[in-house]
């Protein structure tokens, strides 16, 4: 059992920093620095500026957080693969 419960917040990535860190503006208006969680690194989930994310934060330090989830963009249309030209045998 965890010693302290982590708090979760939603926010928007505003800037990409070195070493897999991000500047995130929370919905409450606070701006924090967050790092990518290990599961996101292992599954190679890429995060870009403008993405909606979920952040976990400790109640002891409200300036840093761990980026644990990247929300899918509802505006983006599903990507379709371009059809290759048909190969004709002689």
Protein backbone atom coordinates (compact mmCIF):
# COMPACT_ATOMS: atom_id res chain seq x y z
CA UNK A 1 0.00 0.00 0.00
CA UNK A 2 1.29 3.45 -0.88
CA UNK A 3 2.41 5.73 1.89
CA UNK A 4 0.69 8.74 0.35
CA UNK A 5 -1.90 8.88 -2.38
CA UNK A 6 -0.89 10.63 -5.58
CA UNK A 7 -3.05 13.42 -6.98
CA UNK A 8 -4.05 13.37 -10.63
CA UNK A 9 -4.55 16.47 -12.77
CA UNK A 10 -5.28 17.09 -16.44
CA UNK A 11 -3.30 19.60 -18.45
CA UNK A 12 -1.88 20.71 -21.78
CA UNK A 13 1.74 20.28 -22.88
CA UNK A 14 3.10 23.73 -23.74
CA UNK A 15 6.82 23.04 -24.26
CA UNK A 16 9.14 20.08 -24.76
CA UNK A 17 12.29 20.19 -22.61
CA UNK A 18 15.44 18.02 -22.74
CA UNK A 19 15.63 14.58 -21.04
CA UNK A 20 11.98 13.58 -21.72
CA UNK A 21 10.61 16.46 -19.66
CA UNK A 22 7.69 18.70 -20.51
CA UNK A 23 6.30 22.03 -19.37
CA UNK A 24 2.59 21.46 -18.68
CA UNK A 25 -0.14 24.01 -17.96
CA UNK A 26 -2.72 22.40 -15.68
CA UNK A 27 -6.44 23.10 -16.07
CA UNK A 28 -6.25 25.00 -12.76
CA UNK A 29 -3.79 27.46 -14.38
CA UNK A 30 -0.60 26.31 -12.65
CA UNK A 31 2.45 25.56 -14.80
CA UNK A 32 4.68 22.62 -13.80
CA UNK A 33 7.53 20.49 -15.15
CA UNK A 34 6.65 16.83 -15.75
CA UNK A 35 8.70 13.82 -16.81
CA UNK A 36 7.57 10.81 -18.82
CA UNK A 37 6.52 7.75 -16.83
CA UNK A 38 8.38 4.47 -17.38
CA UNK A 39 5.39 2.69 -18.96
CA UNK A 40 5.12 5.44 -21.57
CA UNK A 41 8.83 5.13 -22.34
CA UNK A 42 8.61 1.35 -22.56
CA UNK A 43 5.62 1.46 -24.92
CA UNK A 44 7.20 4.30 -26.94
CA UNK A 45 4.29 6.71 -26.55
CA UNK A 46 5.32 10.04 -28.03
CA UNK A 47 4.09 13.31 -26.56
CA UNK A 48 4.11 16.57 -28.51
CA UNK A 49 3.38 20.17 -27.66
CA UNK A 50 -0.38 20.73 -27.64
CA UNK A 51 -1.29 17.24 -26.36
CA UNK A 52 -3.77 16.77 -23.51
CA UNK A 53 -2.18 14.71 -20.73
CA UNK A 54 -2.86 13.36 -17.23
CA UNK A 55 -0.27 14.15 -14.56
CA UNK A 56 0.37 12.43 -11.21
CA UNK A 57 1.78 14.64 -8.46
CA UNK A 58 2.88 14.10 -4.89
CA UNK A 59 1.17 16.25 -2.26
CA UNK A 60 4.64 17.20 -0.98
CA UNK A 61 5.97 18.82 -4.17
CA UNK A 62 3.43 20.61 -6.35
CA UNK A 63 6.01 21.89 -8.84
CA UNK A 64 6.93 18.52 -10.41
CA UNK A 65 4.84 15.70 -11.79
CA UNK A 66 4.88 12.44 -13.73
CA UNK A 67 3.17 12.29 -17.11
CA UNK A 68 1.16 9.04 -17.03
CA UNK A 69 -1.37 9.28 -19.87
CA UNK A 70 -1.67 11.04 -23.23
CA UNK A 71 -5.26 11.62 -24.33
CA UNK A 72 -6.17 10.97 -27.93
CA UNK A 73 -6.97 14.05 -29.97
CA UNK A 74 -10.65 14.09 -30.97
CA UNK A 75 -9.99 16.57 -33.78
CA UNK A 76 -7.49 14.39 -35.62
CA UNK A 77 -8.96 12.26 -38.36
CA UNK A 78 -7.91 8.61 -38.47
CA UNK A 79 -4.90 8.12 -40.70
CA UNK A 80 -5.51 6.13 -43.84
CA UNK A 81 -2.76 4.31 -45.63
CA UNK A 82 -2.25 5.34 -49.21
CA UNK A 83 -3.10 2.63 -51.70
CA UNK A 84 -0.11 1.32 -53.60
CA UNK A 85 -0.40 1.05 -57.35
CA UNK A 86 -1.52 -2.35 -58.49
CA UNK A 87 1.21 -4.70 -59.68
CA UNK A 88 0.35 -6.20 -63.03
CA UNK A 89 1.84 -9.48 -64.11
CA UNK A 90 2.58 -10.13 -67.76
